[in-house]
Amino acid sequence: MKFQKIITNMLLMIFTLAALYGCGANLFKNLGLVPAASGKEAMDDLLNNAKTPEAYQQATILADAIINDPNASTAAVTEAKIAKAECILGEMGITITNLASKLATTNTNVNILDQLKASVSITQNEKLASAAFLLNETKNPADKGTELNRGITNTLALVSIVENFYNIEDNGGGVTKKDSTEDSATAVKRIYSQGAVTNSREAVDALKNAGSLTDDQQSKANNLDSVSTDMDQLNAALNGQGAYTFNDGSTKNITATSNSTEIDAAINNIFKNMK
């Protein structure tokens, strides 16, 4: 009888545990009795269902585990980097598919910088730069969807860098400096060193590969090319390596010791190219 009672109690315990596991596996995960989900499948599942910053953070942890795994395949690491970029954006409340849809339906007379900066709050430039860097590392011209993501993310990163120092006016209106007391040469060098030129070039490359914009939108997006070229030229001038050429063909010997008004005029000239 005693033995039978022991067996009965063991069976009851097994059934109870089974019921608890079926209804609440998370309880056991929290107790450390069930291994936490990991790997690509778990990462994809979390990312596909993420709705909160915390969920995106958990998906980022899984992506990092794959990226840092020395035994992970190149394809797996590439997918994890793309997923991590999406997590960074998602945590900030930025959904690329929503922005892409907005680009497709917005008045094509408005330039791409206006359309994007009006859609999201882009104050977290370091996070945007990180997402852009991951997508640039894994670029694939044949993958139009990922290239569209890359193009939009690099454009957001560019705008967020510039708007730390200058407000970009609507529809090619140039820029106005946020802090009138700040040294403009220092501001321009910081914009340059934070990767604005790289972001503008990568944005143009990716948006061309994606082929998702209207002809008019693509034409305006291509003006990002002039931003990178002009920023290179202005940075060189500030370092004493030549004059800066304005849109009207005039040139000026702008250097690091030039007054802020002259340097601001050059920056204004660059973003007027975005008409």
Protein backbone atom coordinates (compact mmCIF):
# COMPACT_ATOMS: atom_id res chain seq x y z
CA MET A 1 0.00 0.00 0.00
CA LYS A 2 2.80 2.35 0.90
CA PHE A 3 4.54 1.67 -2.41
CA GLN A 4 1.27 2.19 -4.33
CA LYS A 5 0.78 5.53 -2.56
CA ILE A 6 4.27 6.65 -3.53
CA ILE A 7 3.63 5.72 -7.18
CA THR A 8 0.28 7.53 -7.10
CA ASN A 9 1.88 10.66 -5.68
CA MET A 10 4.67 10.55 -8.29
CA LEU A 11 2.14 10.24 -11.10
CA LEU A 12 0.12 13.12 -9.69
CA MET A 13 3.29 15.23 -9.57
CA ILE A 14 4.21 14.33 -13.15
CA PHE A 15 0.72 15.22 -14.41
CA THR A 16 0.76 18.46 -12.42
CA LEU A 17 4.16 19.42 -13.83
CA ALA A 18 3.03 18.54 -17.34
CA ALA A 19 -0.07 20.69 -16.95
CA LEU A 20 1.94 23.57 -15.56
CA TYR A 21 4.48 23.29 -18.37
CA GLY A 22 1.77 23.21 -21.03
CA CYS A 23 -0.03 26.24 -19.59
CA GLY A 24 2.90 28.27 -18.37
CA ALA A 25 6.30 27.36 -19.75
CA ASN A 26 7.38 30.91 -19.03
CA LEU A 27 7.15 30.17 -15.32
CA PHE A 28 9.73 27.42 -15.72
CA LYS A 29 11.89 29.62 -17.90
CA ASN A 30 11.91 32.23 -15.19
CA LEU A 31 12.89 29.59 -12.65
CA GLY A 32 15.71 28.44 -14.91
CA LEU A 33 14.15 24.98 -15.37
CA VAL A 34 13.62 25.39 -19.12
CA PRO A 35 16.39 26.80 -21.36
CA ALA A 36 15.62 30.27 -22.76
CA ALA A 37 14.91 30.33 -26.48
CA SER A 38 17.90 31.18 -28.63
CA GLY A 39 19.08 31.10 -32.23
CA LYS A 40 17.67 32.46 -35.46
CA GLU A 41 14.18 31.01 -35.03
CA ALA A 42 13.74 32.59 -31.60
CA MET A 43 15.20 35.89 -32.86
CA ASP A 44 12.82 35.97 -35.84
CA ASP A 45 9.85 35.08 -33.65
CA LEU A 46 10.63 37.86 -31.18
CA LEU A 47 11.27 40.41 -33.91
CA ASN A 48 8.12 39.54 -35.86
CA ASN A 49 5.98 39.97 -32.77
CA ALA A 50 7.83 42.85 -31.10
CA LYS A 51 5.67 45.78 -30.09
CA THR A 52 7.61 47.25 -27.16
CA PRO A 53 11.17 48.55 -26.67
CA GLU A 54 11.78 45.65 -24.26
CA ALA A 55 10.85 43.08 -26.92
CA TYR A 56 13.20 44.69 -29.42
CA GLN A 57 15.95 44.69 -26.79
CA GLN A 58 15.47 40.95 -26.21
CA ALA A 59 15.63 40.31 -29.96
CA THR A 60 18.84 42.38 -30.10
CA ILE A 61 20.41 40.12 -27.46
CA LEU A 62 19.62 37.06 -29.59
CA ALA A 63 20.97 38.79 -32.72
CA ASP A 64 24.21 39.70 -30.92
CA ALA A 65 24.64 36.09 -29.82
CA ILE A 66 24.56 34.97 -33.46
CA ILE A 67 26.81 37.82 -34.64
CA ASN A 68 29.42 36.98 -31.98
CA ASP A 69 29.22 33.21 -32.47
CA PRO A 70 32.50 32.08 -34.13
CA ASN A 71 30.70 29.01 -35.50
CA ALA A 72 27.83 30.93 -37.12
CA SER A 73 27.75 30.90 -40.92
CA THR A 74 28.29 34.08 -42.92
CA ALA A 75 24.64 33.96 -44.01
CA ALA A 76 23.44 33.63 -40.41
CA VAL A 77 25.59 36.57 -39.27
CA THR A 78 24.32 38.68 -42.18
CA GLU A 79 20.69 37.94 -41.28
CA ALA A 80 21.39 38.69 -37.62
CA LYS A 81 22.95 42.07 -38.48
CA ILE A 82 19.93 43.02 -40.60
CA ALA A 83 17.64 41.90 -37.77
CA LYS A 84 19.66 43.90 -35.22
CA ALA A 85 19.34 47.04 -37.38
CA GLU A 86 15.57 46.50 -37.46
CA CYS A 87 15.59 46.07 -33.67
CA ILE A 88 17.47 49.36 -33.17
CA LEU A 89 14.95 51.19 -35.33
CA GLY A 90 11.99 49.41 -33.76
CA GLU A 91 13.14 50.32 -30.28
CA MET A 92 13.01 53.98 -31.37
CA GLY A 93 9.52 53.52 -32.80
CA ILE A 94 10.71 53.71 -36.43
CA THR A 95 9.09 51.26 -38.85
CA ILE A 96 10.78 51.33 -42.23
CA THR A 97 7.82 49.76 -44.04
CA ASN A 98 5.59 52.61 -42.81
CA LEU A 99 8.11 55.20 -43.99
CA ALA A 100 8.48 53.46 -47.37
CA SER A 101 4.70 53.50 -47.77
CA LYS A 102 4.63 57.21 -46.88
CA LEU A 103 7.28 57.92 -49.51
CA ALA A 104 5.20 56.13 -52.11
CA THR A 105 2.05 58.13 -51.38
CA THR A 106 3.38 61.59 -50.47
CA ASN A 107 3.44 64.54 -52.88
CA THR A 108 6.45 63.90 -55.10
CA ASN A 109 7.25 67.63 -55.23
CA VAL A 110 8.47 67.36 -51.64
CA ASN A 111 12.07 66.21 -51.32
CA ILE A 112 13.04 63.01 -49.53
CA LEU A 113 14.65 64.76 -46.55
CA ASP A 114 11.43 66.64 -45.85
CA GLN A 115 9.32 63.51 -46.14
CA LEU A 116 11.48 61.51 -43.75
CA LYS A 117 12.31 64.13 -41.14
CA ALA A 118 8.62 65.00 -40.86
CA SER A 119 7.73 61.37 -40.18
CA VAL A 120 9.84 60.51 -37.15
CA SER A 121 11.68 62.08 -34.25
CA ILE A 122 15.32 61.77 -35.22
CA THR A 123 17.25 62.90 -32.18
CA GLN A 124 18.97 59.57 -31.46
CA ASN A 125 21.66 59.94 -34.09
CA GLU A 126 24.06 57.39 -32.56
CA LYS A 127 21.46 54.62 -32.75
CA LEU A 128 20.51 55.57 -36.30
CA ALA A 129 24.19 55.56 -37.25
CA SER A 130 24.58 52.07 -35.74
CA ALA A 131 21.60 50.74 -37.69
CA ALA A 132 22.91 52.29 -40.91
CA PHE A 133 26.37 50.83 -40.30
CA LEU A 134 24.95 47.31 -39.88
CA LEU A 135 22.91 47.60 -43.08
CA ASN A 136 25.87 49.02 -45.02
CA GLU A 137 27.99 46.06 -43.86
CA THR A 138 25.45 43.61 -45.24
CA LYS A 139 24.28 45.43 -48.38
CA ASN A 140 23.01 43.26 -51.21
CA PRO A 141 22.03 45.16 -54.38
CA ALA A 142 19.85 42.23 -55.47
CA ASP A 143 17.67 42.41 -52.33
CA LYS A 144 15.45 45.38 -53.14
CA GLY A 145 13.56 45.30 -49.85
CA THR A 146 16.69 45.42 -47.70
CA GLU A 147 18.21 48.07 -49.97
CA LEU A 148 15.14 50.28 -49.49
CA ASN A 149 15.54 49.86 -45.72
CA ARG A 150 19.22 50.73 -46.04
CA GLY A 151 18.52 53.81 -48.14
CA ILE A 152 15.91 55.19 -45.76
CA THR A 153 17.99 54.38 -42.67
CA ASN A 154 21.09 56.13 -44.07
CA THR A 155 18.98 59.16 -44.98
CA LEU A 156 17.58 59.31 -41.44
CA ALA A 157 21.11 58.99 -40.04
CA LEU A 158 22.32 61.85 -42.27
CA VAL A 159 19.48 64.14 -41.23
CA SER A 160 19.89 63.33 -37.53
CA ILE A 161 23.62 64.16 -37.66
CA VAL A 162 23.08 67.49 -39.41
CA GLU A 163 20.11 68.44 -37.24
CA ASN A 164 22.23 68.21 -34.10
CA PHE A 165 23.76 71.48 -35.29
CA TYR A 166 21.51 72.95 -38.01
CA ASN A 167 17.79 72.91 -38.72
CA ILE A 168 17.22 71.66 -42.27
CA GLU A 169 14.55 73.91 -43.75
CA ASP A 170 11.69 72.49 -45.81
CA ASN A 171 11.90 71.95 -49.56
CA GLY A 172 15.46 72.99 -50.19
CA GLY A 173 15.35 76.08 -48.01
CA GLY A 174 18.89 75.49 -46.74
CA VAL A 175 19.73 75.42 -43.03
CA THR A 176 19.74 77.63 -39.96
CA LYS A 177 22.14 77.08 -37.08
CA LYS A 178 20.55 75.92 -33.83
CA ASP A 179 23.07 77.60 -31.55
CA SER A 180 24.16 80.94 -32.97
CA THR A 181 27.06 81.10 -30.49
CA GLU A 182 28.62 77.82 -31.64
CA ASP A 183 31.75 77.91 -33.79
CA SER A 184 30.64 76.87 -37.28
CA ALA A 185 33.97 75.35 -38.31
CA THR A 186 33.78 73.01 -35.31
CA ALA A 187 30.14 72.14 -36.10
CA VAL A 188 30.96 71.26 -39.72
CA LYS A 189 33.93 69.13 -38.72
CA ARG A 190 31.77 67.25 -36.22
CA ILE A 191 29.09 66.65 -38.88
CA TYR A 192 31.80 65.32 -41.18
CA SER A 193 33.49 63.12 -38.56
CA GLN A 194 30.17 61.57 -37.51
CA GLY A 195 29.73 60.05 -40.97
CA ALA A 196 27.30 62.35 -42.76
CA VAL A 197 29.16 61.97 -46.06
CA THR A 198 29.17 58.17 -45.84
CA ASN A 199 25.46 58.15 -44.99
CA SER A 200 24.57 60.37 -47.95
CA ARG A 201 26.56 58.22 -50.40
CA GLU A 202 25.19 54.95 -49.06
CA ALA A 203 21.64 56.36 -49.16
CA VAL A 204 21.95 57.23 -52.85
CA ASP A 205 23.47 53.83 -53.67
CA ALA A 206 20.78 51.91 -51.77
CA LEU A 207 17.80 53.88 -53.08
CA LYS A 208 19.01 53.38 -56.65
CA ASN A 209 19.33 49.64 -56.02
CA ALA A 210 15.87 49.46 -54.45
CA GLY A 211 14.17 51.07 -57.47
CA SER A 212 11.10 51.79 -55.31
CA LEU A 213 10.86 55.57 -55.70
CA THR A 214 9.05 57.47 -58.41
CA ASP A 215 11.26 59.11 -61.04
CA ASP A 216 10.76 62.50 -59.38
CA GLN A 217 11.54 61.14 -55.91
CA GLN A 218 14.63 59.34 -57.21
CA SER A 219 15.80 62.52 -58.89
CA LYS A 220 15.51 64.37 -55.59
CA ALA A 221 17.17 61.49 -53.72
CA ASN A 222 20.08 61.65 -56.16
CA ASN A 223 20.72 65.18 -54.89
CA LEU A 224 22.09 63.50 -51.78
CA ASP A 225 25.12 62.81 -53.98
CA SER A 226 25.79 66.53 -54.18
CA VAL A 227 25.58 66.73 -50.37
CA SER A 228 28.44 64.25 -50.01
CA THR A 229 30.53 65.90 -52.74
CA ASP A 230 30.02 69.40 -51.32
CA MET A 231 30.67 68.26 -47.73
CA ASP A 232 33.95 66.71 -48.88
CA GLN A 233 34.89 69.97 -50.58
CA LEU A 234 33.97 72.12 -47.58
CA ASN A 235 35.85 69.86 -45.18
CA ALA A 236 38.93 70.04 -47.42
CA ALA A 237 38.64 73.86 -47.53
CA LEU A 238 38.44 74.04 -43.73
CA ASN A 239 41.64 71.98 -43.63
CA GLY A 240 43.40 74.42 -45.97
CA GLN A 241 43.14 72.23 -49.06
CA GLY A 242 41.43 74.50 -51.57
CA ALA A 243 38.52 76.88 -52.02
CA TYR A 244 34.82 76.10 -51.74
CA THR A 245 32.62 76.45 -54.86
CA PHE A 246 29.04 77.67 -54.47
CA ASN A 247 26.08 76.62 -56.65
CA ASP A 248 26.36 79.81 -58.68
CA GLY A 249 29.94 78.94 -59.64
CA SER A 250 31.60 81.48 -57.35
CA THR A 251 34.43 80.32 -55.10
CA LYS A 252 35.56 81.40 -51.67
CA ASN A 253 38.64 80.58 -49.63
CA ILE A 254 36.83 79.34 -46.54
CA THR A 255 39.17 78.11 -43.81
CA ALA A 256 38.90 77.03 -40.17
CA THR A 257 39.59 80.64 -39.18
CA SER A 258 36.83 82.09 -41.40
CA ASN A 259 33.95 83.73 -39.59
CA SER A 260 30.87 81.63 -38.89
CA THR A 261 28.72 83.62 -41.32
CA GLU A 262 30.87 82.50 -44.27
CA ILE A 263 30.90 78.86 -43.16
CA ASP A 264 27.15 78.87 -42.50
CA ALA A 265 26.63 80.25 -46.02
CA ALA A 266 28.50 77.23 -47.42
CA ILE A 267 26.45 74.75 -45.35
CA ASN A 268 23.28 76.55 -46.44
CA ASN A 269 24.41 76.23 -50.05
CA ILE A 270 24.87 72.47 -49.66
CA PHE A 271 21.34 71.80 -48.45
CA LYS A 272 19.75 74.16 -50.93
CA ASN A 273 20.81 71.49 -53.43
CA MET A 274 18.01 69.34 -51.99
CA LYS A 275 15.26 71.29 -53.83
